[in-house]
Amino acid sequence: MKLVRFGDAGAEKPGILDGDGNIRDLSGHISDIGPEEVTPAGLEKIEGIDVSGLPTAPAGARIGAPVTGMRNFIAVGLNYEDHARETGAPIPEEPILFNKLANCIVGPNDNVIMPRASKKLDWEIEIAFVIGKKTQYVSEADALSHIAGYCICNDVSERHFQAERSGQWMKGKSFQSSGPLGPWLVTPDEIADVQNLAMSLDVNGQRMQTGNTNTMIFSIQHLVHYISQFMVLEPGDVVTTGTPPGVGLGMDPQVFLKVGDTMTLEIEGLGRQEQKVVEPR
């Protein structure tokens, strides 16, 4: 299934893509796509709905983040060897974890608001997964069964805040609109091999990032297991898993986003995002 939320920000309705790519309105059957709906029981209920007779979303409807109500938004740093090298960082021996705030999540095509005092705004295409059941001390063999689905994340990053303002990375990772998510939450049965998906990101039509999930240092299966040794993940929680090479920080000379720039992101089987960078508020 490809689950989606559509409508004005804060008033999204739950939906599902039908076989023709139309968004069908699920609001007559479920209230939203949140922690309850992404559990195995919740997904089974949605799967049993005959969507052929459901109303379609209005033409041109805004697409929101495909899940809501998450308590945690966890990110993995430097999870592609080439990306670590381009930033001058050592190859990690264990996954590097940090927080993004859940309130930085926006829709896949919403504007990215440049934060005030920004100097080095950067892009990062990533595959994210959404947890479907309580996840604590999970074995690697059982790890993938805890995932409700996958989606695209743009881990938009302010490098000056992240690396030059002291303290934790989250300073440069949690500003308003720094977590575009979606367009869809794609259930695992729709993906033949999550560790072999092509990824790309363009800025103003110029290819910046080209990658594949098969070059991750730590696989998604390992990440679920690893993270669960340190914290409890709950249904609806989002984990974004790192970016391939091609970020602005790693270029010579470095290149950073400016107001008016447009980012376009695609991951095989997970859809497409497009965001414009707009003035600080």
Protein backbone atom coordinates (compact mmCIF):
# COMPACT_ATOMS: atom_id res chain seq x y z
CA MET A 1 0.00 0.00 0.00
CA LYS A 2 0.96 3.60 -0.55
CA LEU A 3 -0.62 5.68 2.20
CA VAL A 4 -0.85 9.44 1.99
CA ARG A 5 -2.27 12.41 3.88
CA PHE A 6 -3.74 15.28 1.88
CA GLY A 7 -5.27 18.67 2.55
CA ASP A 8 -4.35 21.93 4.24
CA ALA A 9 -1.63 21.84 6.88
CA GLY A 10 -3.14 20.78 10.20
CA ALA A 11 -6.32 19.51 8.55
CA GLU A 12 -5.03 16.61 6.45
CA LYS A 13 -7.19 13.62 5.61
CA PRO A 14 -5.93 10.04 5.30
CA GLY A 15 -5.71 8.57 1.83
CA ILE A 16 -4.41 5.69 -0.22
CA LEU A 17 -3.19 5.43 -3.80
CA ASP A 18 -5.31 3.19 -5.98
CA GLY A 19 -4.01 1.12 -8.90
CA ASP A 20 -4.25 4.10 -11.24
CA GLY A 21 -2.32 6.43 -8.93
CA ASN A 22 -5.39 8.34 -7.73
CA ILE A 23 -5.61 9.34 -4.08
CA ARG A 24 -8.69 7.78 -2.48
CA ASP A 25 -10.10 9.39 0.65
CA LEU A 26 -10.00 7.02 3.65
CA SER A 27 -11.53 9.46 6.14
CA GLY A 28 -14.82 7.53 6.15
CA HIS A 29 -12.96 4.54 7.58
CA ILE A 30 -10.07 5.91 9.65
CA SER A 31 -9.49 9.28 11.31
CA ASP A 32 -5.86 9.75 10.23
CA ILE A 33 -2.62 7.89 9.60
CA GLY A 34 -0.96 7.92 12.98
CA PRO A 35 0.42 5.55 15.61
CA GLU A 36 -2.72 3.38 15.76
CA GLU A 37 -3.08 3.07 11.99
CA VAL A 38 0.54 2.00 11.35
CA THR A 39 0.41 -0.97 13.74
CA PRO A 40 -0.02 -4.39 12.15
CA ALA A 41 -3.70 -4.38 13.13
CA GLY A 42 -4.18 -0.87 11.76
CA LEU A 43 -2.55 -1.69 8.43
CA GLU A 44 -4.56 -4.89 8.17
CA LYS A 45 -7.76 -2.89 8.61
CA ILE A 46 -6.76 -0.46 5.86
CA GLU A 47 -5.75 -3.29 3.56
CA GLY A 48 -9.24 -4.77 3.89
CA ILE A 49 -10.99 -1.61 2.66
CA ASP A 50 -12.44 -1.68 -0.85
CA VAL A 51 -11.09 1.61 -2.15
CA SER A 52 -12.65 1.46 -5.62
CA GLY A 53 -15.78 3.32 -4.56
CA LEU A 54 -14.14 5.88 -2.29
CA PRO A 55 -14.06 9.56 -3.27
CA THR A 56 -10.84 10.90 -4.76
CA ALA A 57 -8.85 13.78 -3.36
CA PRO A 58 -9.49 17.17 -4.98
CA ALA A 59 -7.27 17.93 -7.96
CA GLY A 60 -4.12 19.71 -6.85
CA ALA A 61 -4.64 18.95 -3.18
CA ARG A 62 -1.62 19.60 -0.98
CA ILE A 63 0.20 16.47 0.19
CA GLY A 64 1.17 16.38 3.85
CA ALA A 65 3.66 14.20 5.68
CA PRO A 66 2.37 10.61 5.34
CA VAL A 67 2.22 9.96 9.08
CA THR A 68 1.39 12.10 12.10
CA GLY A 69 1.50 11.80 15.87
CA MET A 70 5.05 10.52 16.10
CA ARG A 71 6.77 10.97 19.46
CA ASN A 72 10.30 10.62 18.15
CA PHE A 73 12.20 11.60 15.03
CA ILE A 74 15.61 9.91 15.10
CA ALA A 75 18.33 10.41 12.51
CA VAL A 76 21.47 8.51 11.58
CA GLY A 77 24.60 10.43 10.64
CA LEU A 78 27.41 9.56 8.24
CA ASN A 79 25.84 6.26 7.14
CA TYR A 80 27.35 6.29 3.63
CA GLU A 81 31.13 5.93 3.43
CA ASP A 82 31.56 8.40 0.56
CA HIS A 83 29.51 11.00 2.42
CA ALA A 84 31.63 10.63 5.54
CA ARG A 85 34.77 11.08 3.45
CA GLU A 86 33.46 14.14 1.59
CA THR A 87 32.79 15.87 4.92
CA GLY A 88 36.22 14.95 6.32
CA ALA A 89 34.74 12.75 9.04
CA PRO A 90 36.09 9.31 10.04
CA ILE A 91 34.08 6.25 9.00
CA PRO A 92 31.90 5.43 12.03
CA GLU A 93 32.42 2.12 13.80
CA GLU A 94 28.86 2.23 15.13
CA PRO A 95 25.80 4.17 13.93
CA ILE A 96 25.81 7.84 14.88
CA LEU A 97 22.41 8.83 16.26
CA PHE A 98 20.93 12.27 16.80
CA ASN A 99 17.51 13.86 17.22
CA LYS A 100 15.42 15.94 14.90
CA LEU A 101 12.34 17.46 16.53
CA ALA A 102 9.06 16.04 15.32
CA ASN A 103 7.67 19.54 14.79
CA CYS A 104 10.17 20.17 11.98
CA ILE A 105 8.31 17.65 9.79
CA VAL A 106 6.42 19.15 6.84
CA GLY A 107 4.88 17.87 3.64
CA PRO A 108 7.06 16.70 0.75
CA ASN A 109 6.36 19.75 -1.40
CA ASP A 110 6.05 22.40 1.30
CA ASN A 111 8.45 25.34 1.33
CA VAL A 112 11.66 25.09 3.33
CA ILE A 113 11.94 28.22 5.44
CA MET A 114 15.51 29.43 5.73
CA PRO A 115 16.21 29.93 9.44
CA ARG A 116 17.25 33.33 10.68
CA ALA A 117 21.04 33.86 10.76
CA SER A 118 21.53 30.93 8.38
CA LYS A 119 24.87 30.83 6.59
CA LYS A 120 25.21 27.25 5.30
CA LEU A 121 21.87 25.68 4.40
CA ASP A 122 22.34 22.23 2.89
CA TRP A 123 20.37 19.28 1.47
CA GLU A 124 20.38 15.55 2.28
CA ILE A 125 18.22 12.95 0.52
CA GLU A 126 17.49 9.99 2.81
CA ILE A 127 15.25 6.97 3.11
CA ALA A 128 13.26 6.98 6.34
CA PHE A 129 11.26 4.24 7.99
CA VAL A 130 8.23 4.41 10.27
CA ILE A 131 7.96 2.08 13.25
CA GLY A 132 4.85 -0.12 13.41
CA LYS A 133 5.11 -1.71 16.85
CA LYS A 134 6.93 -1.25 20.13
CA THR A 135 10.62 -1.77 19.45
CA GLN A 136 13.01 -2.55 22.31
CA TYR A 137 15.95 -4.97 22.39
CA VAL A 138 14.96 -6.36 19.00
CA SER A 139 17.11 -8.99 17.33
CA GLU A 140 18.50 -8.24 13.89
CA ALA A 141 16.58 -11.22 12.52
CA ASP A 142 13.27 -9.76 13.72
CA ALA A 143 14.08 -6.12 13.03
CA LEU A 144 12.32 -5.55 9.70
CA SER A 145 9.03 -6.88 11.07
CA HIS A 146 8.89 -3.74 13.25
CA ILE A 147 8.73 -1.40 10.24
CA ALA A 148 5.34 -0.17 9.02
CA GLY A 149 6.68 1.47 5.89
CA TYR A 150 9.24 3.65 4.15
CA CYS A 151 9.29 7.19 2.78
CA ILE A 152 11.61 9.90 1.48
CA CYS A 153 13.09 12.39 3.92
CA ASN A 154 15.05 15.55 3.12
CA ASP A 155 17.24 16.02 6.19
CA VAL A 156 17.69 19.74 5.53
CA SER A 157 20.70 20.91 7.55
CA GLU A 158 22.18 24.24 8.59
CA ARG A 159 25.88 23.38 8.74
CA HIS A 160 26.97 26.54 10.56
CA PHE A 161 24.49 25.78 13.35
CA GLN A 162 25.35 22.08 13.27
CA ALA A 163 29.13 22.22 13.41
CA GLU A 164 30.24 25.73 14.35
CA ARG A 165 27.85 26.78 17.12
CA SER A 166 28.98 24.18 19.71
CA GLY A 167 27.02 21.34 21.24
CA GLN A 168 24.92 18.73 19.48
CA TRP A 169 24.10 18.38 15.78
CA MET A 170 20.40 18.91 16.45
CA LYS A 171 20.94 22.69 16.47
CA GLY A 172 21.33 22.50 12.71
CA LYS A 173 18.78 19.76 12.14
CA SER A 174 15.55 20.81 13.86
CA PHE A 175 14.62 24.26 12.62
CA GLN A 176 11.13 24.85 11.24
CA SER A 177 10.49 22.91 8.00
CA SER A 178 13.81 21.00 8.10
CA GLY A 179 12.11 17.59 7.77
CA PRO A 180 10.11 17.24 4.54
CA LEU A 181 8.61 13.73 4.57
CA GLY A 182 6.68 11.76 1.98
CA PRO A 183 4.83 11.85 -0.36
CA TRP A 184 3.78 8.33 0.57
CA LEU A 185 4.25 5.80 3.33
CA VAL A 186 5.03 2.67 1.32
CA THR A 187 4.43 -0.62 3.10
CA PRO A 188 7.25 -3.19 2.98
CA ASP A 189 5.34 -5.60 0.72
CA GLU A 190 5.61 -2.99 -2.08
CA ILE A 191 9.43 -2.98 -2.00
CA ALA A 192 11.38 -5.95 -3.34
CA ASP A 193 14.69 -4.95 -1.71
CA VAL A 194 14.91 -1.89 0.48
CA GLN A 195 18.70 -2.14 0.33
CA ASN A 196 18.76 -1.62 -3.42
CA LEU A 197 16.87 1.58 -4.19
CA ALA A 198 18.21 4.36 -6.44
CA MET A 199 18.27 7.87 -4.92
CA SER A 200 18.77 11.32 -6.46
CA LEU A 201 18.58 14.99 -5.49
CA ASP A 202 18.72 18.00 -7.82
CA VAL A 203 19.05 21.68 -6.97
CA ASN A 204 17.60 24.00 -9.61
CA GLY A 205 17.64 21.11 -12.06
CA GLN A 206 21.32 20.26 -11.51
CA ARG A 207 22.09 16.78 -10.18
CA MET A 208 23.83 16.98 -6.81
CA GLN A 209 23.30 13.57 -5.24
CA THR A 210 23.18 10.18 -6.91
CA GLY A 211 23.18 7.15 -4.68
CA ASN A 212 21.70 3.81 -3.76
CA THR A 213 20.66 2.32 -0.45
CA ASN A 214 22.98 -0.60 -1.19
CA THR A 215 25.97 1.55 -0.19
CA MET A 216 24.83 2.16 3.39
CA ILE A 217 27.44 1.37 6.02
CA PHE A 218 24.75 0.10 8.40
CA SER A 219 21.67 -1.51 6.85
CA ILE A 220 18.14 -0.61 7.85
CA GLN A 221 17.80 -4.04 9.45
CA HIS A 222 20.86 -3.38 11.60
CA LEU A 223 19.73 0.14 12.47
CA VAL A 224 16.40 -1.06 13.89
CA HIS A 225 18.23 -3.63 16.01
CA TYR A 226 20.95 -1.19 17.08
CA ILE A 227 18.70 1.72 18.02
CA SER A 228 16.45 -0.57 20.03
CA GLN A 229 19.34 -1.40 22.37
CA PHE A 230 19.40 2.20 23.62
CA MET A 231 15.81 3.43 23.51
CA VAL A 232 12.20 2.37 23.02
CA LEU A 233 10.63 3.22 19.69
CA GLU A 234 6.84 3.38 19.47
CA PRO A 235 4.40 3.06 16.56
CA GLY A 236 4.56 6.15 14.37
CA ASP A 237 8.13 7.06 15.28
CA VAL A 238 10.30 8.05 12.31
CA VAL A 239 13.94 7.13 11.72
CA THR A 240 15.85 8.66 8.82
CA THR A 241 18.90 6.72 7.82
CA GLY A 242 21.63 8.95 6.37
CA THR A 243 22.54 10.42 3.00
CA PRO A 244 24.78 9.46 0.08
CA PRO A 245 27.53 11.80 -1.18
CA GLY A 246 26.87 15.05 -2.99
CA VAL A 247 25.94 17.48 -0.22
CA GLY A 248 26.95 21.13 -0.52
CA LEU A 249 29.27 20.87 2.48
CA GLY A 250 31.43 18.32 0.66
CA MET A 251 31.94 20.32 -2.54
CA ASP A 252 35.04 22.31 -3.41
CA PRO A 253 34.20 25.12 -3.26
CA GLN A 254 31.28 24.50 -0.92
CA VAL A 255 27.79 25.29 -2.23
CA PHE A 256 24.83 26.14 -0.03
CA LEU A 257 21.16 26.86 -0.61
CA LYS A 258 19.84 30.36 -1.08
CA VAL A 259 16.34 31.81 -1.12
CA GLY A 260 14.56 30.85 -4.34
CA ASP A 261 16.42 27.56 -4.85
CA THR A 262 14.36 24.43 -5.58
CA MET A 263 15.27 20.93 -4.41
CA THR A 264 13.88 17.86 -6.20
CA LEU A 265 14.28 14.44 -4.60
CA GLU A 266 13.42 10.93 -5.79
CA ILE A 267 13.85 7.43 -4.39
CA GLU A 268 12.93 4.41 -6.46
CA GLY A 269 9.44 3.21 -5.48
CA LEU A 270 8.95 5.95 -2.88
CA GLY A 271 7.95 8.88 -5.08
CA ARG A 272 9.17 12.42 -5.51
CA GLN A 273 9.54 15.59 -3.44
CA GLU A 274 10.05 19.22 -4.44
CA GLN A 275 10.70 22.12 -2.08
CA LYS A 276 11.47 25.79 -2.60
CA VAL A 277 13.65 27.70 -0.16
CA VAL A 278 11.88 30.83 1.09
CA GLU A 279 12.76 33.86 3.20
CA PRO A 280 13.18 33.58 6.99
CA ARG A 281 10.14 34.44 9.06
